[in-house]
C-alpha atoms as a PDB file:
ATOM      1  CA  MET A   1     -19.478 -17.975-102.421  1.00  0.00           C
ATOM      2  CA  LEU A   2     -15.803 -17.934-101.485  1.00  0.00           C
ATOM      3  CA  VAL A   3     -14.260 -14.497-101.736  1.00  0.00           C
ATOM      4  CA  ASP A   4     -10.603 -15.472-101.344  1.00  0.00           C
ATOM      5  CA  LYS A   5      -9.343 -18.298-103.590  1.00  0.00           C
ATOM      6  CA  ARG A   6      -6.828 -19.324-100.898  1.00  0.00           C
ATOM      7  CA  ILE A   7      -9.607 -20.475 -98.564  1.00  0.00           C
ATOM      8  CA  LYS A   8     -10.695 -23.565-100.537  1.00  0.00           C
ATOM      9  CA  PRO A   9      -7.243 -25.272-100.552  1.00  0.00           C
ATOM     10  CA  LYS A  10      -6.878 -24.536 -96.834  1.00  0.00           C
ATOM     11  CA  LEU A  11     -10.263 -26.106 -96.085  1.00  0.00           C
ATOM     12  CA  GLU A  12      -9.443 -29.161 -98.206  1.00  0.00           C
ATOM     13  CA  ALA A  13      -6.096 -29.571 -96.407  1.00  0.00           C
ATOM     14  CA  ALA A  14      -7.831 -29.325 -93.018  1.00  0.00           C
ATOM     15  CA  LEU A  15     -10.414 -31.951 -94.017  1.00  0.00           C
ATOM     16  CA  GLU A  16      -7.661 -34.315 -95.160  1.00  0.00           C
ATOM     17  CA  ARG A  17      -5.613 -33.735 -91.989  1.00  0.00           C
ATOM     18  CA  TYR A  18      -8.515 -34.320 -89.583  1.00  0.00           C
ATOM     19  CA  HIS A  19     -10.143 -37.179 -91.501  1.00  0.00           C
ATOM     20  CA  THR A  20      -8.252 -39.772 -89.421  1.00  0.00           C
ATOM     21  CA  LEU A  21      -9.654 -38.255 -86.211  1.00  0.00           C
ATOM     22  CA  VAL A  22     -13.285 -38.817 -87.193  1.00  0.00           C
ATOM     23  CA  TYR A  23     -14.850 -41.949 -85.752  1.00  0.00           C
ATOM     24  CA  GLU A  24     -18.022 -43.891 -86.323  1.00  0.00           C
ATOM     25  CA  ALA A  25     -19.995 -45.630 -83.586  1.00  0.00           C
ATOM     26  CA  VAL A  26     -19.930 -49.396 -84.128  1.00  0.00           C
ATOM     27  CA  ALA A  27     -21.739 -50.652 -81.008  1.00  0.00           C
ATOM     28  CA  ASP A  28     -23.395 -49.498 -77.806  1.00  0.00           C
ATOM     29  CA  VAL A  29     -21.420 -50.112 -74.628  1.00  0.00           C
ATOM     30  CA  PRO A  30     -23.517 -50.559 -71.473  1.00  0.00           C
ATOM     31  CA  MET A  31     -21.881 -48.451 -68.765  1.00  0.00           C
ATOM     32  CA  GLN A  32     -21.993 -48.338 -65.002  1.00  0.00           C
ATOM     33  CA  MET A  33     -20.971 -45.395 -62.859  1.00  0.00           C
ATOM     34  CA  ALA A  34     -20.221 -44.593 -59.251  1.00  0.00           C
ATOM     35  CA  GLU A  35     -19.771 -41.207 -57.590  1.00  0.00           C
ATOM     36  CA  THR A  36     -17.644 -40.541 -54.547  1.00  0.00           C
ATOM     37  CA  GLU A  37     -16.184 -37.686 -52.566  1.00  0.00           C
ATOM     38  CA  GLU A  38     -13.226 -39.883 -51.607  1.00  0.00           C
ATOM     39  CA  HIS A  39     -10.056 -39.472 -53.632  1.00  0.00           C
ATOM     40  CA  LEU A  40      -9.480 -43.030 -54.782  1.00  0.00           C
ATOM     41  CA  ARG A  41      -6.145 -43.631 -56.454  1.00  0.00           C
ATOM     42  CA  SER A  42      -6.641 -46.857 -58.392  1.00  0.00           C
ATOM     43  CA  PRO A  43      -9.325 -48.675 -60.388  1.00  0.00           C
ATOM     44  CA  MET A  44      -8.992 -51.679 -58.050  1.00  0.00           C
ATOM     45  CA  GLU A  45      -9.714 -49.487 -55.030  1.00  0.00           C
ATOM     46  CA  ALA A  46     -12.732 -47.987 -56.813  1.00  0.00           C
ATOM     47  CA  GLN A  47     -13.964 -51.436 -57.853  1.00  0.00           C
ATOM     48  CA  GLN A  48     -13.976 -52.635 -54.250  1.00  0.00           C
ATOM     49  CA  LYS A  49     -15.253 -49.547 -52.394  1.00  0.00           C
ATOM     50  CA  LEU A  50     -17.908 -47.993 -54.618  1.00  0.00           C
ATOM     51  CA  GLN A  51     -21.574 -48.744 -55.225  1.00  0.00           C
ATOM     52  CA  TRP A  52     -22.101 -49.069 -58.960  1.00  0.00           C
ATOM     53  CA  GLN A  53     -25.309 -48.258 -60.845  1.00  0.00           C
ATOM     54  CA  GLU A  54     -26.367 -48.250 -64.488  1.00  0.00           C
ATOM     55  CA  ALA A  55     -25.327 -45.093 -66.353  1.00  0.00           C
ATOM     56  CA  GLU A  56     -27.943 -44.172 -68.917  1.00  0.00           C
ATOM     57  CA  PRO A  57     -27.100 -41.790 -71.780  1.00  0.00           C
ATOM     58  CA  GLY A  58     -27.873 -38.233 -70.706  1.00  0.00           C
ATOM     59  CA  ALA A  59     -27.755 -39.020 -66.980  1.00  0.00           C
ATOM     60  CA  LYS A  60     -26.570 -36.124 -64.831  1.00  0.00           C
ATOM     61  CA  TRP A  61     -23.548 -36.627 -62.629  1.00  0.00           C
ATOM     62  CA  GLY A  62     -20.766 -34.594 -61.057  1.00  0.00           C
ATOM     63  CA  LYS A  63     -21.675 -33.103 -57.697  1.00  0.00           C
ATOM     64  CA  ALA A  64     -19.370 -30.399 -56.335  1.00  0.00           C
ATOM     65  CA  TRP A  65     -16.096 -31.861 -55.041  1.00  0.00           C
ATOM     66  CA  SER A  66     -16.940 -35.376 -56.187  1.00  0.00           C
ATOM     67  CA  SER A  67     -15.424 -37.783 -58.678  1.00  0.00           C
ATOM     68  CA  ALA A  68     -17.245 -40.156 -60.982  1.00  0.00           C
ATOM     69  CA  TRP A  69     -15.891 -43.512 -62.074  1.00  0.00           C
ATOM     70  CA  PHE A  70     -17.214 -45.330 -65.140  1.00  0.00           C
ATOM     71  CA  ARG A  71     -16.838 -48.925 -66.272  1.00  0.00           C
ATOM     72  CA  GLY A  72     -18.121 -50.977 -69.155  1.00  0.00           C
ATOM     73  CA  THR A  73     -17.288 -53.992 -71.275  1.00  0.00           C
ATOM     74  CA  ALA A  74     -17.308 -53.893 -75.055  1.00  0.00           C
ATOM     75  CA  VAL A  75     -16.956 -56.534 -77.734  1.00  0.00           C
ATOM     76  CA  LEU A  76     -16.003 -55.209 -81.147  1.00  0.00           C
ATOM     77  CA  PRO A  77     -18.046 -56.518 -84.069  1.00  0.00           C
ATOM     78  CA  GLU A  78     -16.158 -58.683 -86.572  1.00  0.00           C
ATOM     79  CA  ALA A  79     -16.444 -55.872 -89.136  1.00  0.00           C
ATOM     80  CA  CYS A  80     -13.971 -53.841 -87.040  1.00  0.00           C
ATOM     81  CA  GLU A  81     -11.176 -56.387 -87.178  1.00  0.00           C
END
């Protein structure tokens, strides 16, 4: 039960404002990752120097003082166009 009648309009306004920021998953994107302690400056440099492996959902990554790079290719379903 709402105690203050001003709360409901504020909640409705917030829902309307943030509605455009809500997304829905439309496809899985297979990802690969690579970890390094080098400070690579560009994706091309990372592409050439790193050893890539499959990145499964929930995989742990991020050793101290390391960086992780991720890559994947996605094709949007026709329903998204």
